[in-house]
């Protein structure tokens, strides 16, 4: 499994990064739901309503960026497994060819 450079110089696996990003997305979803309820069901002053709408737009933007990062991490993880699988199958094929050659030319 490939290790990537995390924040603060520590090494973290891609799976850890994906889990962290998913937790962040869940947190933002919760905040968005609370803000939408506040906007829908409460009588608010125009200034407060504008502030909440700005917060909602900002959180949706952050959520979109985080979802893109998760997709990129998932693609990177899949690519690592694909390359490893291909190398394993290539090695297995080479081993089979060597064994077939040995069987054919021995005895």
PDB file of N, CA and C in Angstrom:
ATOM      1  N   UNK A   1       0.847  -1.172   0.000  1.00  0.00           N
ATOM      2  CA  UNK A   1       0.000   0.000   0.000  1.00  0.00           C
ATOM      3  C   UNK A   1       0.887   1.228   0.000  1.00  0.00           C
ATOM      4  N   UNK A   2       0.554   2.224  -0.840  1.00  0.00           N
ATOM      5  CA  UNK A   2       1.372   3.410  -0.954  1.00  0.00           C
ATOM      6  C   UNK A   2       1.124   4.338   0.215  1.00  0.00           C
ATOM      7  N   UNK A   3       2.189   4.905   0.696  1.00  0.00           N
ATOM      8  CA  UNK A   3       2.083   5.857   1.784  1.00  0.00           C
ATOM      9  C   UNK A   3       2.235   7.243   1.183  1.00  0.00           C
ATOM     10  N   UNK A   4       1.479   8.190   1.675  1.00  0.00           N
ATOM     11  CA  UNK A   4       1.567   9.549   1.178  1.00  0.00           C
ATOM     12  C   UNK A   4       1.940  10.487   2.308  1.00  0.00           C
ATOM     13  N   UNK A   5       2.443  11.636   1.916  1.00  0.00           N
ATOM     14  CA  UNK A   5       2.859  12.639   2.895  1.00  0.00           C
ATOM     15  C   UNK A   5       1.626  13.316   3.449  1.00  0.00           C
ATOM     16  N   UNK A   6       1.416  13.211   4.744  1.00  0.00           N
ATOM     17  CA  UNK A   6       0.256  13.812   5.384  1.00  0.00           C
ATOM     18  C   UNK A   6       0.604  15.172   5.944  1.00  0.00           C
ATOM     19  N   UNK A   7      -0.320  15.784   6.645  1.00  0.00           N
ATOM     20  CA  UNK A   7      -0.081  17.077   7.255  1.00  0.00           C
ATOM     21  C   UNK A   7       0.911  16.909   8.397  1.00  0.00           C
ATOM     22  N   UNK A   8       1.773  17.894   8.536  1.00  0.00           N
ATOM     23  CA  UNK A   8       2.738  17.864   9.624  1.00  0.00           C
ATOM     24  C   UNK A   8       3.887  16.907   9.361  1.00  0.00           C
ATOM     25  N   UNK A   9       4.021  16.426   8.125  1.00  0.00           N
ATOM     26  CA  UNK A   9       5.141  15.574   7.780  1.00  0.00           C
ATOM     27  C   UNK A   9       4.972  14.122   8.173  1.00  0.00           C
ATOM     28  N   UNK A  10       3.848  13.731   8.751  1.00  0.00           N
ATOM     29  CA  UNK A  10       3.686  12.342   9.138  1.00  0.00           C
ATOM     30  C   UNK A  10       3.181  11.529   7.951  1.00  0.00           C
ATOM     31  N   UNK A  11       3.476  10.256   7.965  1.00  0.00           N
ATOM     32  CA  UNK A  11       3.063   9.365   6.883  1.00  0.00           C
ATOM     33  C   UNK A  11       1.703   8.764   7.223  1.00  0.00           C
ATOM     34  N   UNK A  12       0.796   8.791   6.246  1.00  0.00           N
ATOM     35  CA  UNK A  12      -0.524   8.188   6.438  1.00  0.00           C
ATOM     36  C   UNK A  12      -0.875   7.403   5.185  1.00  0.00           C
ATOM     37  N   UNK A  13      -1.655   6.364   5.369  1.00  0.00           N
ATOM     38  CA  UNK A  13      -2.066   5.589   4.217  1.00  0.00           C
ATOM     39  C   UNK A  13      -3.223   6.281   3.517  1.00  0.00           C
ATOM     40  N   UNK A  14      -3.442   5.919   2.293  1.00  0.00           N
ATOM     41  CA  UNK A  14      -4.534   6.492   1.507  1.00  0.00           C
ATOM     42  C   UNK A  14      -5.866   6.164   2.146  1.00  0.00           C
ATOM     43  N   UNK A  15      -5.999   4.984   2.695  1.00  0.00           N
ATOM     44  CA  UNK A  15      -7.256   4.583   3.337  1.00  0.00           C
ATOM     45  C   UNK A  15      -7.562   5.503   4.512  1.00  0.00           C
ATOM     46  N   UNK A  16      -6.548   5.846   5.307  1.00  0.00           N
ATOM     47  CA  UNK A  16      -6.745   6.774   6.426  1.00  0.00           C
ATOM     48  C   UNK A  16      -7.200   8.143   5.926  1.00  0.00           C
ATOM     49  N   UNK A  17      -6.604   8.602   4.826  1.00  0.00           N
ATOM     50  CA  UNK A  17      -6.991   9.891   4.267  1.00  0.00           C
ATOM     51  C   UNK A  17      -8.435   9.869   3.784  1.00  0.00           C
ATOM     52  N   UNK A  18      -8.841   8.781   3.138  1.00  0.00           N
ATOM     53  CA  UNK A  18     -10.221   8.664   2.656  1.00  0.00           C
ATOM     54  C   UNK A  18     -11.192   8.677   3.826  1.00  0.00           C
ATOM     55  N   UNK A  19     -10.893   7.935   4.886  1.00  0.00           N
ATOM     56  CA  UNK A  19     -11.764   7.915   6.063  1.00  0.00           C
ATOM     57  C   UNK A  19     -11.862   9.302   6.698  1.00  0.00           C
ATOM     58  N   UNK A  20     -10.746  10.010   6.745  1.00  0.00           N
ATOM     59  CA  UNK A  20     -10.745  11.356   7.318  1.00  0.00           C
ATOM     60  C   UNK A  20     -11.620  12.295   6.485  1.00  0.00           C
ATOM     61  N   UNK A  21     -11.490  12.208   5.177  1.00  0.00           N
ATOM     62  CA  UNK A  21     -12.284  13.065   4.288  1.00  0.00           C
ATOM     63  C   UNK A  21     -13.767  12.717   4.381  1.00  0.00           C
ATOM     64  N   UNK A  22     -14.099  11.435   4.492  1.00  0.00           N
ATOM     65  CA  UNK A  22     -15.506  11.047   4.614  1.00  0.00           C
ATOM     66  C   UNK A  22     -16.103  11.572   5.915  1.00  0.00           C
ATOM     67  N   UNK A  23     -15.341  11.546   6.996  1.00  0.00           N
ATOM     68  CA  UNK A  23     -15.823  12.091   8.273  1.00  0.00           C
ATOM     69  C   UNK A  23     -16.047  13.588   8.151  1.00  0.00           C
ATOM     70  N   UNK A  24     -15.162  14.275   7.452  1.00  0.00           N
ATOM     71  CA  UNK A  24     -15.320  15.709   7.229  1.00  0.00           C
ATOM     72  C   UNK A  24     -16.583  15.999   6.418  1.00  0.00           C
ATOM     73  N   UNK A  25     -16.837  15.196   5.396  1.00  0.00           N
ATOM     74  CA  UNK A  25     -18.040  15.363   4.573  1.00  0.00           C
ATOM     75  C   UNK A  25     -19.291  15.154   5.421  1.00  0.00           C
ATOM     76  N   UNK A  26     -19.304  14.138   6.268  1.00  0.00           N
ATOM     77  CA  UNK A  26     -20.461  13.900   7.143  1.00  0.00           C
ATOM     78  C   UNK A  26     -20.707  15.086   8.073  1.00  0.00           C
ATOM     79  N   UNK A  27     -19.638  15.657   8.592  1.00  0.00           N
ATOM     80  CA  UNK A  27     -19.756  16.810   9.487  1.00  0.00           C
ATOM     81  C   UNK A  27     -20.368  17.999   8.745  1.00  0.00           C
ATOM     82  N   UNK A  28     -19.924  18.229   7.526  1.00  0.00           N
ATOM     83  CA  UNK A  28     -20.459  19.342   6.744  1.00  0.00           C
ATOM     84  C   UNK A  28     -21.910  19.092   6.358  1.00  0.00           C
ATOM     85  N   UNK A  29     -22.254  17.844   6.000  1.00  0.00           N
ATOM     86  CA  UNK A  29     -23.650  17.525   5.704  1.00  0.00           C
ATOM     87  C   UNK A  29     -24.551  17.866   6.887  1.00  0.00           C
ATOM     88  N   UNK A  30     -24.103  17.550   8.087  1.00  0.00           N
ATOM     89  CA  UNK A  30     -24.886  17.850   9.282  1.00  0.00           C
ATOM     90  C   UNK A  30     -25.075  19.366   9.435  1.00  0.00           C
ATOM     91  N   UNK A  31     -23.991  20.124   9.258  1.00  0.00           N
ATOM     92  CA  UNK A  31     -24.084  21.575   9.378  1.00  0.00           C
ATOM     93  C   UNK A  31     -25.013  22.163   8.314  1.00  0.00           C
ATOM     94  N   UNK A  32     -24.946  21.627   7.107  1.00  0.00           N
ATOM     95  CA  UNK A  32     -25.810  22.107   6.028  1.00  0.00           C
ATOM     96  C   UNK A  32     -27.275  21.848   6.375  1.00  0.00           C
ATOM     97  N   UNK A  33     -27.566  20.666   6.892  1.00  0.00           N
ATOM     98  CA  UNK A  33     -28.945  20.351   7.264  1.00  0.00           C
ATOM     99  C   UNK A  33     -29.460  21.287   8.348  1.00  0.00           C
ATOM    100  N   UNK A  34     -28.634  21.583   9.354  1.00  0.00           N
ATOM    101  CA  UNK A  34     -29.037  22.491  10.433  1.00  0.00           C
ATOM    102  C   UNK A  34     -29.291  23.888   9.870  1.00  0.00           C
ATOM    103  N   UNK A  35     -28.394  24.360   9.015  1.00  0.00           N
ATOM    104  CA  UNK A  35     -28.575  25.689   8.431  1.00  0.00           C
ATOM    105  C   UNK A  35     -29.834  25.773   7.562  1.00  0.00           C
ATOM    106  N   UNK A  36     -30.067  24.739   6.773  1.00  0.00           N
ATOM    107  CA  UNK A  36     -31.263  24.749   5.928  1.00  0.00           C
ATOM    108  C   UNK A  36     -32.535  24.761   6.774  1.00  0.00           C
ATOM    109  N   UNK A  37     -32.555  24.009   7.864  1.00  0.00           N
ATOM    110  CA  UNK A  37     -33.712  24.035   8.761  1.00  0.00           C
ATOM    111  C   UNK A  37     -33.908  25.413   9.379  1.00  0.00           C
ATOM    112  N   UNK A  38     -32.793  26.033   9.792  1.00  0.00           N
ATOM    113  CA  UNK A  38     -32.893  27.379  10.355  1.00  0.00           C
ATOM    114  C   UNK A  38     -33.454  28.368   9.341  1.00  0.00           C
ATOM    115  N   UNK A  39     -33.013  28.233   8.106  1.00  0.00           N
ATOM    116  CA  UNK A  39     -33.503  29.142   7.081  1.00  0.00           C
ATOM    117  C   UNK A  39     -34.972  28.885   6.739  1.00  0.00           C
ATOM    118  N   UNK A  40     -35.390  27.651   6.780  1.00  0.00           N
ATOM    119  CA  UNK A  40     -36.756  27.293   6.384  1.00  0.00           C
ATOM    120  C   UNK A  40     -37.794  27.594   7.455  1.00  0.00           C
ATOM    121  N   UNK A  41     -37.488  27.340   8.702  1.00  0.00           N
ATOM    122  CA  UNK A  41     -38.512  27.342   9.740  1.00  0.00           C
ATOM    123  C   UNK A  41     -38.453  28.494  10.730  1.00  0.00           C
ATOM    124  N   UNK A  42     -37.497  29.366  10.608  1.00  0.00           N
ATOM    125  CA  UNK A  42     -37.389  30.440  11.590  1.00  0.00           C
ATOM    126  C   UNK A  42     -37.559  31.803  10.927  1.00  0.00           C
ATOM    127  N   UNK A  43     -38.191  32.672  11.665  1.00  0.00           N
ATOM    128  CA  UNK A  43     -38.248  34.077  11.265  1.00  0.00           C
ATOM    129  C   UNK A  43     -36.893  34.675  11.635  1.00  0.00           C
ATOM    130  N   UNK A  44     -36.159  35.109  10.628  1.00  0.00           N
ATOM    131  CA  UNK A  44     -34.821  35.645  10.879  1.00  0.00           C
ATOM    132  C   UNK A  44     -34.726  37.073  10.365  1.00  0.00           C
ATOM    133  N   UNK A  45     -33.850  37.808  11.008  1.00  0.00           N
ATOM    134  CA  UNK A  45     -33.551  39.155  10.532  1.00  0.00           C
ATOM    135  C   UNK A  45     -32.824  39.020   9.196  1.00  0.00           C
ATOM    136  N   UNK A  46     -32.970  40.002   8.328  1.00  0.00           N
ATOM    137  CA  UNK A  46     -32.309  39.913   7.011  1.00  0.00           C
ATOM    138  C   UNK A  46     -30.795  39.724   7.112  1.00  0.00           C
ATOM    139  N   UNK A  47     -30.154  40.370   8.084  1.00  0.00           N
ATOM    140  CA  UNK A  47     -28.698  40.223   8.231  1.00  0.00           C
ATOM    141  C   UNK A  47     -28.334  38.792   8.624  1.00  0.00           C
ATOM    142  N   UNK A  48     -29.096  38.248   9.572  1.00  0.00           N
ATOM    143  CA  UNK A  48     -28.834  36.875  10.032  1.00  0.00           C
ATOM    144  C   UNK A  48     -29.097  35.886   8.904  1.00  0.00           C
ATOM    145  N   UNK A  49     -30.170  36.103   8.136  1.00  0.00           N
ATOM    146  CA  UNK A  49     -30.486  35.225   7.016  1.00  0.00           C
ATOM    147  C   UNK A  49     -29.369  35.254   5.971  1.00  0.00           C
ATOM    148  N   UNK A  50     -28.878  36.440   5.651  1.00  0.00           N
ATOM    149  CA  UNK A  50     -27.784  36.561   4.692  1.00  0.00           C
ATOM    150  C   UNK A  50     -26.526  35.856   5.192  1.00  0.00           C
ATOM    151  N   UNK A  51     -26.235  36.015   6.479  1.00  0.00           N
ATOM    152  CA  UNK A  51     -25.063  35.358   7.068  1.00  0.00           C
ATOM    153  C   UNK A  51     -25.188  33.840   6.962  1.00  0.00           C
ATOM    154  N   UNK A  52     -26.371  33.316   7.291  1.00  0.00           N
ATOM    155  CA  UNK A  52     -26.579  31.869   7.210  1.00  0.00           C
ATOM    156  C   UNK A  52     -26.520  31.377   5.762  1.00  0.00           C
ATOM    157  N   UNK A  53     -27.057  32.154   4.835  1.00  0.00           N
ATOM    158  CA  UNK A  53     -26.997  31.761   3.429  1.00  0.00           C
ATOM    159  C   UNK A  53     -25.556  31.741   2.926  1.00  0.00           C
ATOM    160  N   UNK A  54     -24.755  32.723   3.356  1.00  0.00           N
ATOM    161  CA  UNK A  54     -23.341  32.733   2.984  1.00  0.00           C
ATOM    162  C   UNK A  54     -22.620  31.511   3.566  1.00  0.00           C
ATOM    163  N   UNK A  55     -22.903  31.191   4.835  1.00  0.00           N
ATOM    164  CA  UNK A  55     -22.307  30.004   5.463  1.00  0.00           C
ATOM    165  C   UNK A  55     -22.700  28.741   4.707  1.00  0.00           C
ATOM    166  N   UNK A  56     -23.966  28.676   4.303  1.00  0.00           N
ATOM    167  CA  UNK A  56     -24.455  27.511   3.578  1.00  0.00           C
ATOM    168  C   UNK A  56     -23.743  27.368   2.228  1.00  0.00           C
ATOM    169  N   UNK A  57     -23.594  28.456   1.516  1.00  0.00           N
ATOM    170  CA  UNK A  57     -22.893  28.421   0.223  1.00  0.00           C
ATOM    171  C   UNK A  57     -21.439  28.015   0.422  1.00  0.00           C
ATOM    172  N   UNK A  58     -20.785  28.546   1.455  1.00  0.00           N
ATOM    173  CA  UNK A  58     -19.389  28.209   1.741  1.00  0.00           C
ATOM    174  C   UNK A  58     -19.237  26.724   2.082  1.00  0.00           C
ATOM    175  N   UNK A  59     -20.149  26.208   2.890  1.00  0.00           N
ATOM    176  CA  UNK A  59     -20.073  24.789   3.266  1.00  0.00           C
ATOM    177  C   UNK A  59     -20.331  23.880   2.068  1.00  0.00           C
ATOM    178  N   UNK A  60     -21.245  24.267   1.210  1.00  0.00           N
ATOM    179  CA  UNK A  60     -21.492  23.458   0.014  1.00  0.00           C
ATOM    180  C   UNK A  60     -20.265  23.446  -0.890  1.00  0.00           C
ATOM    181  N   UNK A  61     -19.576  24.585  -0.992  1.00  0.00           N
ATOM    182  CA  UNK A  61     -18.355  24.650  -1.789  1.00  0.00           C
ATOM    183  C   UNK A  61     -17.279  23.744  -1.188  1.00  0.00           C
ATOM    184  N   UNK A  62     -17.111  23.810   0.140  1.00  0.00           N
ATOM    185  CA  UNK A  62     -16.131  22.945   0.807  1.00  0.00           C
ATOM    186  C   UNK A  62     -16.486  21.470   0.629  1.00  0.00           C
ATOM    187  N   UNK A  63     -17.764  21.174   0.698  1.00  0.00           N
ATOM    188  CA  UNK A  63     -18.220  19.799   0.518  1.00  0.00           C
ATOM    189  C   UNK A  63     -17.897  19.311  -0.886  1.00  0.00           C
ATOM    190  N   UNK A  64     -18.133  20.139  -1.874  1.00  0.00           N
ATOM    191  CA  UNK A  64     -17.844  19.764  -3.253  1.00  0.00           C
ATOM    192  C   UNK A  64     -16.347  19.492  -3.424  1.00  0.00           C
ATOM    193  N   UNK A  65     -15.499  20.374  -2.847  1.00  0.00           N
ATOM    194  CA  UNK A  65     -14.052  20.189  -2.953  1.00  0.00           C
ATOM    195  C   UNK A  65     -13.611  18.907  -2.245  1.00  0.00           C
ATOM    196  N   UNK A  66     -14.172  18.629  -1.095  1.00  0.00           N
ATOM    197  CA  UNK A  66     -13.812  17.428  -0.342  1.00  0.00           C
ATOM    198  C   UNK A  66     -14.244  16.168  -1.081  1.00  0.00           C
ATOM    199  N   UNK A  67     -15.425  16.191  -1.685  1.00  0.00           N
ATOM    200  CA  UNK A  67     -15.875  15.035  -2.461  1.00  0.00           C
ATOM    201  C   UNK A  67     -14.934  14.770  -3.629  1.00  0.00           C
ATOM    202  N   UNK A  68     -14.451  15.814  -4.272  1.00  0.00           N
ATOM    203  CA  UNK A  68     -13.481  15.653  -5.361  1.00  0.00           C
ATOM    204  C   UNK A  68     -12.186  15.030  -4.840  1.00  0.00           C
ATOM    205  N   UNK A  69     -11.740  15.470  -3.653  1.00  0.00           N
ATOM    206  CA  UNK A  69     -10.520  14.906  -3.076  1.00  0.00           C
ATOM    207  C   UNK A  69     -10.707  13.424  -2.762  1.00  0.00           C
ATOM    208  N   UNK A  70     -11.874  13.052  -2.252  1.00  0.00           N
ATOM    209  CA  UNK A  70     -12.158  11.648  -1.955  1.00  0.00           C
ATOM    210  C   UNK A  70     -12.145  10.831  -3.239  1.00  0.00           C
ATOM    211  N   UNK A  71     -12.743  11.358  -4.296  1.00  0.00           N
ATOM    212  CA  UNK A  71     -12.746  10.646  -5.570  1.00  0.00           C
ATOM    213  C   UNK A  71     -11.320  10.449  -6.072  1.00  0.00           C
ATOM    214  N   UNK A  72     -10.490  11.488  -5.948  1.00  0.00           N
ATOM    215  CA  UNK A  72      -9.099  11.372  -6.384  1.00  0.00           C
ATOM    216  C   UNK A  72      -8.343  10.342  -5.560  1.00  0.00           C
ATOM    217  N   UNK A  73      -8.573  10.312  -4.247  1.00  0.00           N
ATOM    218  CA  UNK A  73      -7.903   9.331  -3.398  1.00  0.00           C
ATOM    219  C   UNK A  73      -8.358   7.918  -3.739  1.00  0.00           C
ATOM    220  N   UNK A  74      -9.662   7.749  -4.003  1.00  0.00           N
ATOM    221  CA  UNK A  74     -10.168   6.432  -4.374  1.00  0.00           C
ATOM    222  C   UNK A  74      -9.571   5.971  -5.699  1.00  0.00           C
ATOM    223  N   UNK A  75      -9.461   6.881  -6.672  1.00  0.00           N
ATOM    224  CA  UNK A  75      -8.866   6.535  -7.970  1.00  0.00           C
ATOM    225  C   UNK A  75      -7.408   6.157  -7.787  1.00  0.00           C
ATOM    226  N   UNK A  76      -6.689   6.926  -6.966  1.00  0.00           N
ATOM    227  CA  UNK A  76      -5.277   6.627  -6.711  1.00  0.00           C
ATOM    228  C   UNK A  76      -5.130   5.253  -6.061  1.00  0.00           C
ATOM    229  N   UNK A  77      -6.007   4.937  -5.116  1.00  0.00           N
ATOM    230  CA  UNK A  77      -5.963   3.650  -4.439  1.00  0.00           C
ATOM    231  C   UNK A  77      -6.247   2.513  -5.424  1.00  0.00           C
ATOM    232  N   UNK A  78      -7.241   2.684  -6.284  1.00  0.00           N
ATOM    233  CA  UNK A  78      -7.574   1.667  -7.282  1.00  0.00           C
ATOM    234  C   UNK A  78      -6.413   1.471  -8.248  1.00  0.00           C
ATOM    235  N   UNK A  79      -5.781   2.571  -8.667  1.00  0.00           N
ATOM    236  CA  UNK A  79      -4.641   2.467  -9.582  1.00  0.00           C
ATOM    237  C   UNK A  79      -3.496   1.692  -8.947  1.00  0.00           C
ATOM    238  N   UNK A  80      -3.257   1.874  -7.654  1.00  0.00           N
ATOM    239  CA  UNK A  80      -2.202   1.134  -6.973  1.00  0.00           C
ATOM    240  C   UNK A  80      -2.502  -0.359  -6.973  1.00  0.00           C
ATOM    241  N   UNK A  81      -3.748  -0.736  -6.687  1.00  0.00           N
ATOM    242  CA  UNK A  81      -4.115  -2.144  -6.691  1.00  0.00           C
ATOM    243  C   UNK A  81      -4.059  -2.721  -8.096  1.00  0.00           C
ATOM    244  N   UNK A  82      -4.447  -1.938  -9.094  1.00  0.00           N
ATOM    245  CA  UNK A  82      -4.413  -2.407 -10.468  1.00  0.00           C
ATOM    246  C   UNK A  82      -2.979  -2.710 -10.894  1.00  0.00           C
ATOM    247  N   UNK A  83      -2.068  -1.805 -10.601  1.00  0.00           N
ATOM    248  CA  UNK A  83      -0.667  -2.014 -10.971  1.00  0.00           C
ATOM    249  C   UNK A  83      -0.101  -3.233 -10.243  1.00  0.00           C
ATOM    250  N   UNK A  84      -0.390  -3.376  -8.972  1.00  0.00           N
ATOM    251  CA  UNK A  84       0.089  -4.533  -8.214  1.00  0.00           C
ATOM    252  C   UNK A  84      -0.471  -5.839  -8.748  1.00  0.00           C
ATOM    253  N   UNK A  85      -1.733  -5.844  -9.082  1.00  0.00           N
ATOM    254  CA  UNK A  85      -2.363  -7.050  -9.625  1.00  0.00           C
ATOM    255  C   UNK A  85      -1.750  -7.426 -10.970  1.00  0.00           C
ATOM    256  N   UNK A  86      -1.529  -6.428 -11.805  1.00  0.00           N
ATOM    257  CA  UNK A  86      -0.929  -6.702 -13.120  1.00  0.00           C
ATOM    258  C   UNK A  86       0.488  -7.257 -12.975  1.00  0.00           C
ATOM    259  N   UNK A  87       1.263  -6.701 -12.068  1.00  0.00           N
ATOM    260  CA  UNK A  87       2.615  -7.213 -11.845  1.00  0.00           C
ATOM    261  C   UNK A  87       2.581  -8.641 -11.321  1.00  0.00           C
ATOM    262  N   UNK A  88       1.654  -8.927 -10.422  1.00  0.00           N
ATOM    263  CA  UNK A  88       1.527 -10.279  -9.896  1.00  0.00           C
ATOM    264  C   UNK A  88       1.169 -11.265 -11.010  1.00  0.00           C
ATOM    265  N   UNK A  89       0.205 -10.907 -11.846  1.00  0.00           N
ATOM    266  CA  UNK A  89      -0.200 -11.799 -12.943  1.00  0.00           C
ATOM    267  C   UNK A  89       0.933 -11.979 -13.957  1.00  0.00           C
ATOM    268  N   UNK A  90       1.682 -10.913 -14.228  1.00  0.00           N
ATOM    269  CA  UNK A  90       2.824 -11.017 -15.126  1.00  0.00           C
ATOM    270  C   UNK A  90       3.869 -11.982 -14.556  1.00  0.00           C
ATOM    271  N   UNK A  91       4.149 -11.861 -13.268  1.00  0.00           N
ATOM    272  CA  UNK A  91       5.099 -12.777 -12.622  1.00  0.00           C
ATOM    273  C   UNK A  91       4.605 -14.209 -12.651  1.00  0.00           C
ATOM    274  N   UNK A  92       3.315 -14.399 -12.428  1.00  0.00           N
ATOM    275  CA  UNK A  92       2.729 -15.734 -12.473  1.00  0.00           C
ATOM    276  C   UNK A  92       2.852 -16.340 -13.870  1.00  0.00           C
ATOM    277  N   UNK A  93       2.617 -15.541 -14.887  1.00  0.00           N
ATOM    278  CA  UNK A  93       2.759 -16.018 -16.268  1.00  0.00           C
ATOM    279  C   UNK A  93       4.206 -16.396 -16.572  1.00  0.00           C
ATOM    280  N   UNK A  94       5.139 -15.570 -16.120  1.00  0.00           N
ATOM    281  CA  UNK A  94       6.554 -15.898 -16.337  1.00  0.00           C
ATOM    282  C   UNK A  94       6.921 -17.205 -15.640  1.00  0.00           C
ATOM    283  N   UNK A  95       6.462 -17.379 -14.423  1.00  0.00           N
ATOM    284  CA  UNK A  95       6.724 -18.608 -13.685  1.00  0.00           C
ATOM    285  C   UNK A  95       6.143 -19.809 -14.439  1.00  0.00           C
ATOM    286  N   UNK A  96       4.929 -19.673 -14.963  1.00  0.00           N
ATOM    287  CA  UNK A  96       4.298 -20.772 -15.702  1.00  0.00           C
ATOM    288  C   UNK A  96       5.097 -21.098 -16.954  1.00  0.00           C
ATOM    289  N   UNK A  97       5.575 -20.089 -17.644  1.00  0.00           N
ATOM    290  CA  UNK A  97       6.374 -20.338 -18.849  1.00  0.00           C
ATOM    291  C   UNK A  97       7.690 -21.043 -18.515  1.00  0.00           C
ATOM    292  N   UNK A  98       8.338 -20.629 -17.436  1.00  0.00           N
ATOM    293  CA  UNK A  98       9.589 -21.277 -17.030  1.00  0.00           C
ATOM    294  C   UNK A  98       9.326 -22.727 -16.651  1.00  0.00           C
ATOM    295  N   UNK A  99       8.272 -22.994 -15.898  1.00  0.00           N
ATOM    296  CA  UNK A  99       7.943 -24.363 -15.495  1.00  0.00           C
ATOM    297  C   UNK A  99       7.611 -25.227 -16.716  1.00  0.00           C
ATOM    298  N   UNK A 100       6.849 -24.665 -17.663  1.00  0.00           N
ATOM    299  CA  UNK A 100       6.526 -25.415 -18.874  1.00  0.00           C
ATOM    300  C   UNK A 100       7.788 -25.736 -19.672  1.00  0.00           C
ATOM    301  N   UNK A 101       8.716 -24.796 -19.762  1.00  0.00           N
ATOM    302  CA  UNK A 101       9.971 -25.024 -20.455  1.00  0.00           C
ATOM    303  C   UNK A 101      10.775 -26.122 -19.752  1.00  0.00           C
ATOM    304  N   UNK A 102      10.810 -26.063 -18.397  1.00  0.00           N
ATOM    305  CA  UNK A 102      11.548 -27.076 -17.642  1.00  0.00           C
ATOM    306  C   UNK A 102      10.926 -28.462 -17.829  1.00  0.00           C
ATOM    307  N   UNK A 103       9.631 -28.545 -17.783  1.00  0.00           N
ATOM    308  CA  UNK A 103       8.949 -29.838 -17.964  1.00  0.00           C
ATOM    309  C   UNK A 103       9.194 -30.386 -19.357  1.00  0.00           C
ATOM    310  N   UNK A 104       9.143 -29.540 -20.354  1.00  0.00           N
ATOM    311  CA  UNK A 104       9.313 -29.947 -21.745  1.00  0.00           C
ATOM    312  C   UNK A 104      10.734 -30.445 -22.020  1.00  0.00           C
ATOM    313  N   UNK A 105      11.731 -29.816 -21.418  1.00  0.00           N
ATOM    314  CA  UNK A 105      13.113 -30.125 -21.746  1.00  0.00           C
ATOM    315  C   UNK A 105      13.828 -30.972 -20.679  1.00  0.00           C
ATOM    316  N   UNK A 106      13.116 -31.435 -19.700  1.00  0.00           N
ATOM    317  CA  UNK A 106      13.710 -32.292 -18.685  1.00  0.00           C
ATOM    318  C   UNK A 106      13.160 -33.695 -18.856  1.00  0.00           C
ATOM    319  N   UNK A 107      14.058 -34.633 -18.837  1.00  0.00           N
ATOM    320  CA  UNK A 107      13.681 -36.031 -18.788  1.00  0.00           C
ATOM    321  C   UNK A 107      13.289 -36.621 -20.024  1.00  0.00           C
TER     322      UNK A 107
END
